[in-house]
PDB file of N, CA and C in Angstrom:
ATOM      1  N   VAL A   1       0.831  -1.182   0.000  1.00  0.00           N
ATOM      2  CA  VAL A   1       0.000   0.000   0.000  1.00  0.00           C
ATOM      3  C   VAL A   1       0.875   1.245   0.000  1.00  0.00           C
ATOM      4  N   ALA A   2       1.911   1.236   0.813  1.00  0.00           N
ATOM      5  CA  ALA A   2       2.802   2.399   0.863  1.00  0.00           C
ATOM      6  C   ALA A   2       3.476   2.614  -0.491  1.00  0.00           C
ATOM      7  N   TYR A   3       3.832   1.524  -1.147  1.00  0.00           N
ATOM      8  CA  TYR A   3       4.443   1.636  -2.472  1.00  0.00           C
ATOM      9  C   TYR A   3       3.477   2.295  -3.456  1.00  0.00           C
ATOM     10  N   GLU A   4       2.201   1.923  -3.367  1.00  0.00           N
ATOM     11  CA  GLU A   4       1.186   2.502  -4.255  1.00  0.00           C
ATOM     12  C   GLU A   4       1.043   4.001  -4.006  1.00  0.00           C
ATOM     13  N   ILE A   5       1.049   4.398  -2.737  1.00  0.00           N
ATOM     14  CA  ILE A   5       0.943   5.821  -2.394  1.00  0.00           C
ATOM     15  C   ILE A   5       2.152   6.584  -2.923  1.00  0.00           C
ATOM     16  N   VAL A   6       3.338   6.024  -2.768  1.00  0.00           N
ATOM     17  CA  VAL A   6       4.554   6.678  -3.258  1.00  0.00           C
ATOM     18  C   VAL A   6       4.515   6.807  -4.777  1.00  0.00           C
ATOM     19  N   LYS A   7       4.046   5.772  -5.443  1.00  0.00           N
ATOM     20  CA  LYS A   7       3.963   5.792  -6.909  1.00  0.00           C
ATOM     21  C   LYS A   7       2.999   6.893  -7.379  1.00  0.00           C
ATOM     22  N   ILE A   8       1.853   6.993  -6.727  1.00  0.00           N
ATOM     23  CA  ILE A   8       0.874   8.032  -7.084  1.00  0.00           C
ATOM     24  C   ILE A   8       1.436   9.413  -6.777  1.00  0.00           C
ATOM     25  N   ARG A   9       2.108   9.538  -5.625  1.00  0.00           N
ATOM     26  CA  ARG A   9       2.655  10.839  -5.236  1.00  0.00           C
ATOM     27  C   ARG A   9       3.708  11.315  -6.232  1.00  0.00           C
ATOM     28  N   ARG A  10       4.532  10.403  -6.740  1.00  0.00           N
ATOM     29  CA  ARG A  10       5.532  10.793  -7.736  1.00  0.00           C
ATOM     30  C   ARG A  10       4.866  11.341  -8.996  1.00  0.00           C
ATOM     31  N   LYS A  11       3.803  10.687  -9.438  1.00  0.00           N
ATOM     32  CA  LYS A  11       3.072  11.175 -10.611  1.00  0.00           C
ATOM     33  C   LYS A  11       2.470  12.549 -10.333  1.00  0.00           C
ATOM     34  N   ARG A  12       1.908  12.707  -9.124  1.00  0.00           N
ATOM     35  CA  ARG A  12       1.269  13.969  -8.752  1.00  0.00           C
ATOM     36  C   ARG A  12       2.289  15.100  -8.715  1.00  0.00           C
ATOM     37  N   VAL A  13       3.469  14.844  -8.167  1.00  0.00           N
ATOM     38  CA  VAL A  13       4.505  15.863  -8.099  1.00  0.00           C
ATOM     39  C   VAL A  13       4.946  16.269  -9.505  1.00  0.00           C
ATOM     40  N   ALA A  14       5.044  15.313 -10.411  1.00  0.00           N
ATOM     41  CA  ALA A  14       5.425  15.630 -11.791  1.00  0.00           C
ATOM     42  C   ALA A  14       4.383  16.535 -12.449  1.00  0.00           C
ATOM     43  N   VAL A  15       3.109  16.252 -12.209  1.00  0.00           N
ATOM     44  CA  VAL A  15       2.043  17.078 -12.784  1.00  0.00           C
ATOM     45  C   VAL A  15       2.044  18.455 -12.133  1.00  0.00           C
ATOM     46  N   ALA A  16       2.261  18.525 -10.836  1.00  0.00           N
ATOM     47  CA  ALA A  16       2.312  19.820 -10.144  1.00  0.00           C
ATOM     48  C   ALA A  16       3.481  20.654 -10.666  1.00  0.00           C
ATOM     49  N   ASP A  17       4.623  20.011 -10.893  1.00  0.00           N
ATOM     50  CA  ASP A  17       5.773  20.729 -11.445  1.00  0.00           C
ATOM     51  C   ASP A  17       5.461  21.278 -12.837  1.00  0.00           C
ATOM     52  N   GLU A  18       4.756  20.499 -13.630  1.00  0.00           N
ATOM     53  CA  GLU A  18       4.367  20.957 -14.968  1.00  0.00           C
ATOM     54  C   GLU A  18       3.478  22.193 -14.874  1.00  0.00           C
ATOM     55  N   ARG A  19       2.519  22.157 -13.945  1.00  0.00           N
ATOM     56  CA  ARG A  19       1.613  23.290 -13.761  1.00  0.00           C
ATOM     57  C   ARG A  19       2.382  24.530 -13.301  1.00  0.00           C
ATOM     58  N   ILE A  20       3.313  24.343 -12.397  1.00  0.00           N
ATOM     59  CA  ILE A  20       4.111  25.471 -11.898  1.00  0.00           C
ATOM     60  C   ILE A  20       4.986  26.044 -13.003  1.00  0.00           C
ATOM     61  N   GLU A  21       5.529  25.183 -13.843  1.00  0.00           N
ATOM     62  CA  GLU A  21       6.335  25.664 -14.969  1.00  0.00           C
ATOM     63  C   GLU A  21       5.501  26.498 -15.931  1.00  0.00           C
ATOM     64  N   ILE A  22       4.261  26.093 -16.172  1.00  0.00           N
ATOM     65  CA  ILE A  22       3.372  26.852 -17.061  1.00  0.00           C
ATOM     66  C   ILE A  22       3.113  28.233 -16.479  1.00  0.00           C
ATOM     67  N   VAL A  23       2.803  28.282 -15.199  1.00  0.00           N
ATOM     68  CA  VAL A  23       2.517  29.570 -14.550  1.00  0.00           C
ATOM     69  C   VAL A  23       3.771  30.445 -14.532  1.00  0.00           C
ATOM     70  N   THR A  24       4.915  29.850 -14.249  1.00  0.00           N
ATOM     71  CA  THR A  24       6.168  30.608 -14.230  1.00  0.00           C
ATOM     72  C   THR A  24       6.480  31.174 -15.612  1.00  0.00           C
ATOM     73  N   ALA A  25       6.299  30.373 -16.644  1.00  0.00           N
ATOM     74  CA  ALA A  25       6.545  30.850 -18.008  1.00  0.00           C
ATOM     75  C   ALA A  25       5.623  32.005 -18.356  1.00  0.00           C
ATOM     76  N   MET A  26       4.370  31.893 -17.932  1.00  0.00           N
ATOM     77  CA  MET A  26       3.422  32.968 -18.219  1.00  0.00           C
ATOM     78  C   MET A  26       3.818  34.238 -17.483  1.00  0.00           C
ATOM     79  N   LEU A  27       4.214  34.115 -16.231  1.00  0.00           N
ATOM     80  CA  LEU A  27       4.561  35.295 -15.454  1.00  0.00           C
ATOM     81  C   LEU A  27       5.859  35.939 -15.938  1.00  0.00           C
ATOM     82  N   GLN A  28       6.794  35.134 -16.397  1.00  0.00           N
ATOM     83  CA  GLN A  28       8.043  35.699 -16.909  1.00  0.00           C
ATOM     84  C   GLN A  28       7.812  36.454 -18.218  1.00  0.00           C
ATOM     85  N   GLY A  29       6.879  36.002 -18.999  1.00  0.00           N
ATOM     86  CA  GLY A  29       6.585  36.672 -20.262  1.00  0.00           C
ATOM     87  C   GLY A  29       5.241  37.370 -20.217  1.00  0.00           C
ATOM     88  N   ILE A  30       4.932  38.026 -19.112  1.00  0.00           N
ATOM     89  CA  ILE A  30       3.605  38.618 -18.926  1.00  0.00           C
ATOM     90  C   ILE A  30       3.303  39.687 -19.979  1.00  0.00           C
ATOM     91  N   LYS A  31       4.310  40.451 -20.387  1.00  0.00           N
ATOM     92  CA  LYS A  31       4.073  41.476 -21.408  1.00  0.00           C
ATOM     93  C   LYS A  31       3.655  40.832 -22.725  1.00  0.00           C
ATOM     94  N   VAL A  32       4.372  39.788 -23.132  1.00  0.00           N
ATOM     95  CA  VAL A  32       4.047  39.095 -24.374  1.00  0.00           C
ATOM     96  C   VAL A  32       2.679  38.428 -24.255  1.00  0.00           C
ATOM     97  N   THR A  33       2.416  37.861 -23.087  1.00  0.00           N
ATOM     98  CA  THR A  33       1.130  37.194 -22.860  1.00  0.00           C
ATOM     99  C   THR A  33      -0.011  38.181 -23.020  1.00  0.00           C
ATOM    100  N   LYS A  34       0.121  39.345 -22.401  1.00  0.00           N
ATOM    101  CA  LYS A  34      -0.941  40.359 -22.478  1.00  0.00           C
ATOM    102  C   LYS A  34      -1.032  40.952 -23.887  1.00  0.00           C
ATOM    103  N   LEU A  35       0.112  41.225 -24.489  1.00  0.00           N
ATOM    104  CA  LEU A  35       0.143  41.849 -25.805  1.00  0.00           C
ATOM    105  C   LEU A  35      -0.516  40.968 -26.864  1.00  0.00           C
ATOM    106  N   ASN A  36      -0.275  39.666 -26.809  1.00  0.00           N
ATOM    107  CA  ASN A  36      -0.809  38.749 -27.812  1.00  0.00           C
ATOM    108  C   ASN A  36      -2.095  38.057 -27.386  1.00  0.00           C
ATOM    109  N   ASN A  37      -2.618  38.442 -26.233  1.00  0.00           N
ATOM    110  CA  ASN A  37      -3.880  37.904 -25.727  1.00  0.00           C
ATOM    111  C   ASN A  37      -3.818  36.376 -25.570  1.00  0.00           C
ATOM    112  N   TYR A  38      -2.755  35.911 -24.884  1.00  0.00           N
ATOM    113  CA  TYR A  38      -2.563  34.480 -24.646  1.00  0.00           C
ATOM    114  C   TYR A  38      -3.132  34.012 -23.306  1.00  0.00           C
ATOM    115  N   GLU A  39      -3.826  34.903 -22.603  1.00  0.00           N
ATOM    116  CA  GLU A  39      -4.316  34.544 -21.266  1.00  0.00           C
ATOM    117  C   GLU A  39      -5.198  33.297 -21.302  1.00  0.00           C
ATOM    118  N   ASP A  40      -6.075  33.225 -22.286  1.00  0.00           N
ATOM    119  CA  ASP A  40      -6.993  32.082 -22.363  1.00  0.00           C
ATOM    120  C   ASP A  40      -6.248  30.771 -22.607  1.00  0.00           C
ATOM    121  N   LYS A  41      -5.223  30.816 -23.437  1.00  0.00           N
ATOM    122  CA  LYS A  41      -4.437  29.613 -23.699  1.00  0.00           C
ATOM    123  C   LYS A  41      -3.724  29.144 -22.432  1.00  0.00           C
ATOM    124  N   PHE A  42      -3.102  30.091 -21.723  1.00  0.00           N
ATOM    125  CA  PHE A  42      -2.417  29.721 -20.492  1.00  0.00           C
ATOM    126  C   PHE A  42      -3.401  29.247 -19.436  1.00  0.00           C
ATOM    127  N   GLU A  43      -4.548  29.915 -19.372  1.00  0.00           N
ATOM    128  CA  GLU A  43      -5.552  29.521 -18.385  1.00  0.00           C
ATOM    129  C   GLU A  43      -6.041  28.092 -18.644  1.00  0.00           C
ATOM    130  N   SER A  44      -6.274  27.744 -19.899  1.00  0.00           N
ATOM    131  CA  SER A  44      -6.739  26.391 -20.201  1.00  0.00           C
ATOM    132  C   SER A  44      -5.648  25.359 -19.924  1.00  0.00           C
ATOM    133  N   ARG A  45      -4.380  25.700 -20.211  1.00  0.00           N
ATOM    134  CA  ARG A  45      -3.279  24.775 -19.915  1.00  0.00           C
ATOM    135  C   ARG A  45      -3.125  24.546 -18.419  1.00  0.00           C
ATOM    136  N   VAL A  46      -3.240  25.621 -17.648  1.00  0.00           N
ATOM    137  CA  VAL A  46      -3.130  25.509 -16.192  1.00  0.00           C
ATOM    138  C   VAL A  46      -4.315  24.721 -15.635  1.00  0.00           C
ATOM    139  N   ALA A  47      -5.515  24.992 -16.144  1.00  0.00           N
ATOM    140  CA  ALA A  47      -6.707  24.288 -15.662  1.00  0.00           C
ATOM    141  C   ALA A  47      -6.611  22.786 -15.973  1.00  0.00           C
ATOM    142  N   GLU A  48      -6.105  22.457 -17.159  1.00  0.00           N
ATOM    143  CA  GLU A  48      -5.976  21.045 -17.524  1.00  0.00           C
ATOM    144  C   GLU A  48      -4.939  20.344 -16.640  1.00  0.00           C
ATOM    145  N   ALA A  49      -3.825  21.019 -16.378  1.00  0.00           N
ATOM    146  CA  ALA A  49      -2.795  20.444 -15.505  1.00  0.00           C
ATOM    147  C   ALA A  49      -3.329  20.305 -14.077  1.00  0.00           C
ATOM    148  N   ARG A  50      -4.081  21.281 -13.626  1.00  0.00           N
ATOM    149  CA  ARG A  50      -4.654  21.220 -12.276  1.00  0.00           C
ATOM    150  C   ARG A  50      -5.688  20.094 -12.178  1.00  0.00           C
ATOM    151  N   HIS A  51      -6.442  19.897 -13.245  1.00  0.00           N
ATOM    152  CA  HIS A  51      -7.420  18.806 -13.261  1.00  0.00           C
ATOM    153  C   HIS A  51      -6.719  17.454 -13.118  1.00  0.00           C
ATOM    154  N   ARG A  52      -5.628  17.259 -13.863  1.00  0.00           N
ATOM    155  CA  ARG A  52      -4.875  16.003 -13.750  1.00  0.00           C
ATOM    156  C   ARG A  52      -4.268  15.848 -12.358  1.00  0.00           C
ATOM    157  N   GLU A  53      -3.788  16.968 -11.805  1.00  0.00           N
ATOM    158  CA  GLU A  53      -3.207  16.928 -10.456  1.00  0.00           C
ATOM    159  C   GLU A  53      -4.261  16.556  -9.417  1.00  0.00           C
ATOM    160  N   MET A  54      -5.443  17.138  -9.519  1.00  0.00           N
ATOM    161  CA  MET A  54      -6.519  16.842  -8.562  1.00  0.00           C
ATOM    162  C   MET A  54      -6.974  15.389  -8.688  1.00  0.00           C
ATOM    163  N   LYS A  55      -6.975  14.855  -9.893  1.00  0.00           N
ATOM    164  CA  LYS A  55      -7.337  13.450 -10.095  1.00  0.00           C
ATOM    165  C   LYS A  55      -6.362  12.540  -9.347  1.00  0.00           C
ATOM    166  N   LEU A  56      -5.074  12.851  -9.421  1.00  0.00           N
ATOM    167  CA  LEU A  56      -4.072  12.062  -8.724  1.00  0.00           C
ATOM    168  C   LEU A  56      -4.159  12.255  -7.208  1.00  0.00           C
ATOM    169  N   ILE A  57      -4.477  13.473  -6.777  1.00  0.00           N
ATOM    170  CA  ILE A  57      -4.644  13.721  -5.338  1.00  0.00           C
ATOM    171  C   ILE A  57      -5.813  12.905  -4.802  1.00  0.00           C
ATOM    172  N   ARG A  58      -6.928  12.884  -5.533  1.00  0.00           N
ATOM    173  CA  ARG A  58      -8.077  12.084  -5.090  1.00  0.00           C
ATOM    174  C   ARG A  58      -7.724  10.600  -5.025  1.00  0.00           C
ATOM    175  N   LYS A  59      -6.972  10.121  -6.000  1.00  0.00           N
ATOM    176  CA  LYS A  59      -6.568   8.714  -6.007  1.00  0.00           C
ATOM    177  C   LYS A  59      -5.665   8.409  -4.809  1.00  0.00           C
ATOM    178  N   GLU A  60      -4.710   9.292  -4.562  1.00  0.00           N
ATOM    179  CA  GLU A  60      -3.800   9.113  -3.428  1.00  0.00           C
ATOM    180  C   GLU A  60      -4.564   9.116  -2.103  1.00  0.00           C
ATOM    181  N   GLN A  61      -5.500  10.034  -1.958  1.00  0.00           N
ATOM    182  CA  GLN A  61      -6.275  10.116  -0.725  1.00  0.00           C
ATOM    183  C   GLN A  61      -7.203   8.918  -0.559  1.00  0.00           C
ATOM    184  N   SER A  62      -7.695   8.372  -1.658  1.00  0.00           N
ATOM    185  CA  SER A  62      -8.536   7.173  -1.576  1.00  0.00           C
ATOM    186  C   SER A  62      -7.739   5.982  -1.053  1.00  0.00           C
ATOM    187  N   VAL A  63      -6.538   5.808  -1.560  1.00  0.00           N
ATOM    188  CA  VAL A  63      -5.689   4.712  -1.089  1.00  0.00           C
ATOM    189  C   VAL A  63      -5.347   4.921   0.385  1.00  0.00           C
ATOM    190  N   TRP A  64      -5.023   6.158   0.755  1.00  0.00           N
ATOM    191  CA  TRP A  64      -4.697   6.466   2.147  1.00  0.00           C
ATOM    192  C   TRP A  64      -5.905   6.208   3.053  1.00  0.00           C
ATOM    193  N   GLY A  65      -7.092   6.617   2.621  1.00  0.00           N
ATOM    194  CA  GLY A  65      -8.307   6.392   3.403  1.00  0.00           C
ATOM    195  C   GLY A  65      -8.606   4.914   3.579  1.00  0.00           C
ATOM    196  N   LEU A  66      -8.438   4.144   2.527  1.00  0.00           N
ATOM    197  CA  LEU A  66      -8.649   2.700   2.618  1.00  0.00           C
ATOM    198  C   LEU A  66      -7.681   2.079   3.616  1.00  0.00           C
ATOM    199  N   THR A  67      -6.442   2.544   3.601  1.00  0.00           N
ATOM    200  CA  THR A  67      -5.443   2.053   4.550  1.00  0.00           C
ATOM    201  C   THR A  67      -5.870   2.349   5.988  1.00  0.00           C
ATOM    202  N   LEU A  68      -6.367   3.555   6.230  1.00  0.00           N
ATOM    203  CA  LEU A  68      -6.801   3.911   7.584  1.00  0.00           C
ATOM    204  C   LEU A  68      -8.006   3.087   8.029  1.00  0.00           C
ATOM    205  N   VAL A  69      -8.937   2.867   7.115  1.00  0.00           N
ATOM    206  CA  VAL A  69     -10.113   2.055   7.451  1.00  0.00           C
ATOM    207  C   VAL A  69      -9.686   0.645   7.832  1.00  0.00           C
ATOM    208  N   ILE A  70      -8.787   0.087   7.067  1.00  0.00           N
ATOM    209  CA  ILE A  70      -8.301  -1.266   7.364  1.00  0.00           C
ATOM    210  C   ILE A  70      -7.601  -1.294   8.719  1.00  0.00           C
ATOM    211  N   ARG A  71      -6.800  -0.263   9.010  1.00  0.00           N
ATOM    212  CA  ARG A  71      -6.078  -0.222  10.282  1.00  0.00           C
ATOM    213  C   ARG A  71      -7.011  -0.068  11.469  1.00  0.00           C
ATOM    214  N   VAL A  72      -8.130   0.613  11.286  1.00  0.00           N
ATOM    215  CA  VAL A  72      -9.072   0.813  12.387  1.00  0.00           C
ATOM    216  C   VAL A  72      -9.932  -0.427  12.606  1.00  0.00           C
ATOM    217  N   PHE A  73     -10.414  -1.032  11.541  1.00  0.00           N
ATOM    218  CA  PHE A  73     -11.358  -2.137  11.673  1.00  0.00           C
ATOM    219  C   PHE A  73     -10.712  -3.505  11.901  1.00  0.00           C
ATOM    220  N   THR A  74      -9.446  -3.658  11.594  1.00  0.00           N
ATOM    221  CA  THR A  74      -8.793  -4.952  11.786  1.00  0.00           C
ATOM    222  C   THR A  74      -8.827  -5.410  13.247  1.00  0.00           C
ATOM    223  N   PRO A  75      -8.487  -4.572  14.232  1.00  0.00           N
ATOM    224  CA  PRO A  75      -8.568  -5.030  15.624  1.00  0.00           C
ATOM    225  C   PRO A  75      -9.993  -5.339  16.070  1.00  0.00           C
ATOM    226  N   VAL A  76     -10.962  -4.587  15.580  1.00  0.00           N
ATOM    227  CA  VAL A  76     -12.360  -4.832  15.944  1.00  0.00           C
ATOM    228  C   VAL A  76     -12.811  -6.186  15.403  1.00  0.00           C
ATOM    229  N   VAL A  77     -12.518  -6.465  14.159  1.00  0.00           N
ATOM    230  CA  VAL A  77     -12.901  -7.736  13.542  1.00  0.00           C
ATOM    231  C   VAL A  77     -12.167  -8.896  14.234  1.00  0.00           C
ATOM    232  N   ALA A  78     -10.899  -8.711  14.548  1.00  0.00           N
ATOM    233  CA  ALA A  78     -10.142  -9.762  15.222  1.00  0.00           C
ATOM    234  C   ALA A  78     -10.720 -10.045  16.611  1.00  0.00           C
ATOM    235  N   SER A  79     -11.078  -9.003  17.346  1.00  0.00           N
ATOM    236  CA  SER A  79     -11.681  -9.194  18.674  1.00  0.00           C
ATOM    237  C   SER A  79     -13.012  -9.918  18.561  1.00  0.00           C
ATOM    238  N   PHE A  80     -13.837  -9.490  17.629  1.00  0.00           N
ATOM    239  CA  PHE A  80     -15.133 -10.136  17.434  1.00  0.00           C
ATOM    240  C   PHE A  80     -14.947 -11.619  17.073  1.00  0.00           C
ATOM    241  N   ALA A  81     -14.042 -11.891  16.174  1.00  0.00           N
ATOM    242  CA  ALA A  81     -13.803 -13.275  15.761  1.00  0.00           C
ATOM    243  C   ALA A  81     -13.292 -14.115  16.933  1.00  0.00           C
ATOM    244  N   THR A  82     -12.444 -13.536  17.759  1.00  0.00           N
ATOM    245  CA  THR A  82     -11.916 -14.260  18.916  1.00  0.00           C
ATOM    246  C   THR A  82     -13.020 -14.604  19.904  1.00  0.00           C
ATOM    247  N   PHE A  83     -13.851 -13.615  20.247  1.00  0.00           N
ATOM    248  CA  PHE A  83     -14.939 -13.867  21.200  1.00  0.00           C
ATOM    249  C   PHE A  83     -15.984 -14.822  20.626  1.00  0.00           C
ATOM    250  N   ALA A  84     -16.289 -14.665  19.343  1.00  0.00           N
ATOM    251  CA  ALA A  84     -17.261 -15.563  18.718  1.00  0.00           C
ATOM    252  C   ALA A  84     -16.744 -16.995  18.708  1.00  0.00           C
ATOM    253  N   THR A  85     -15.486 -17.163  18.392  1.00  0.00           N
ATOM    254  CA  THR A  85     -14.902 -18.500  18.401  1.00  0.00           C
ATOM    255  C   THR A  85     -14.925 -19.087  19.807  1.00  0.00           C
ATOM    256  N   TYR A  86     -14.598 -18.295  20.809  1.00  0.00           N
ATOM    257  CA  TYR A  86     -14.595 -18.746  22.203  1.00  0.00           C
ATOM    258  C   TYR A  86     -15.979 -19.236  22.616  1.00  0.00           C
ATOM    259  N   VAL A  87     -17.001 -18.470  22.257  1.00  0.00           N
ATOM    260  CA  VAL A  87     -18.370 -18.829  22.646  1.00  0.00           C
ATOM    261  C   VAL A  87     -18.858 -20.044  21.856  1.00  0.00           C
ATOM    262  N   LEU A  88     -18.532 -20.138  20.592  1.00  0.00           N
ATOM    263  CA  LEU A  88     -19.059 -21.200  19.744  1.00  0.00           C
ATOM    264  C   LEU A  88     -18.317 -22.526  19.896  1.00  0.00           C
ATOM    265  N   VAL A  89     -17.133 -22.517  20.471  1.00  0.00           N
ATOM    266  CA  VAL A  89     -16.360 -23.744  20.616  1.00  0.00           C
ATOM    267  C   VAL A  89     -17.046 -24.715  21.580  1.00  0.00           C
ATOM    268  N   SER A  90     -17.574 -24.188  22.652  1.00  0.00           N
ATOM    269  CA  SER A  90     -18.192 -25.055  23.650  1.00  0.00           C
ATOM    270  C   SER A  90     -19.393 -24.346  24.267  1.00  0.00           C
ATOM    271  N   GLU A  91     -20.386 -25.116  24.648  1.00  0.00           N
ATOM    272  CA  GLU A  91     -21.553 -24.521  25.283  1.00  0.00           C
ATOM    273  C   GLU A  91     -21.234 -24.039  26.697  1.00  0.00           C
ATOM    274  N   ASP A  92     -20.155 -24.523  27.274  1.00  0.00           N
ATOM    275  CA  ASP A  92     -19.770 -24.101  28.621  1.00  0.00           C
ATOM    276  C   ASP A  92     -19.151 -22.695  28.619  1.00  0.00           C
ATOM    277  N   ASN A  93     -18.718 -22.263  27.457  1.00  0.00           N
ATOM    278  CA  ASN A  93     -18.078 -20.943  27.361  1.00  0.00           C
ATOM    279  C   ASN A  93     -19.142 -19.885  27.069  1.00  0.00           C
ATOM    280  N   ILE A  94     -19.835 -19.476  28.089  1.00  0.00           N
ATOM    281  CA  ILE A  94     -20.866 -18.454  27.950  1.00  0.00           C
ATOM    282  C   ILE A  94     -20.345 -17.188  28.577  1.00  0.00           C
ATOM    283  N   MET A  95     -20.414 -16.120  27.828  1.00  0.00           N
ATOM    284  CA  MET A  95     -19.950 -14.839  28.348  1.00  0.00           C
ATOM    285  C   MET A  95     -21.138 -14.077  28.920  1.00  0.00           C
ATOM    286  N   THR A  96     -21.019 -13.635  30.151  1.00  0.00           N
ATOM    287  CA  THR A  96     -22.073 -12.841  30.783  1.00  0.00           C
ATOM    288  C   THR A  96     -21.502 -11.482  31.144  1.00  0.00           C
ATOM    289  N   ALA A  97     -22.379 -10.532  31.161  1.00  0.00           N
ATOM    290  CA  ALA A  97     -21.918  -9.170  31.451  1.00  0.00           C
ATOM    291  C   ALA A  97     -21.862  -8.922  32.929  1.00  0.00           C
TER     292      ALA A  97
END
């Protein structure tokens, strides 16, 4: 699971770097951008890169959330299975409160 998170994070960082490079290029050439009316082109490129980045962030968070759910419910399921097995093994093993 950790390997999967690292793999997704590497992809996400690459996409974030691409988005930052686009914004940096636009800001460095702001006069040319404004003069030639390239704002819409840069805006669409940034939006597309951000969309890909958010897709990877959602995927990474889904894997992380699944990991947390498994970590929380594993002890509960193990305890339940242990007590159920104890009670079902013999009729003499009755648990009372």
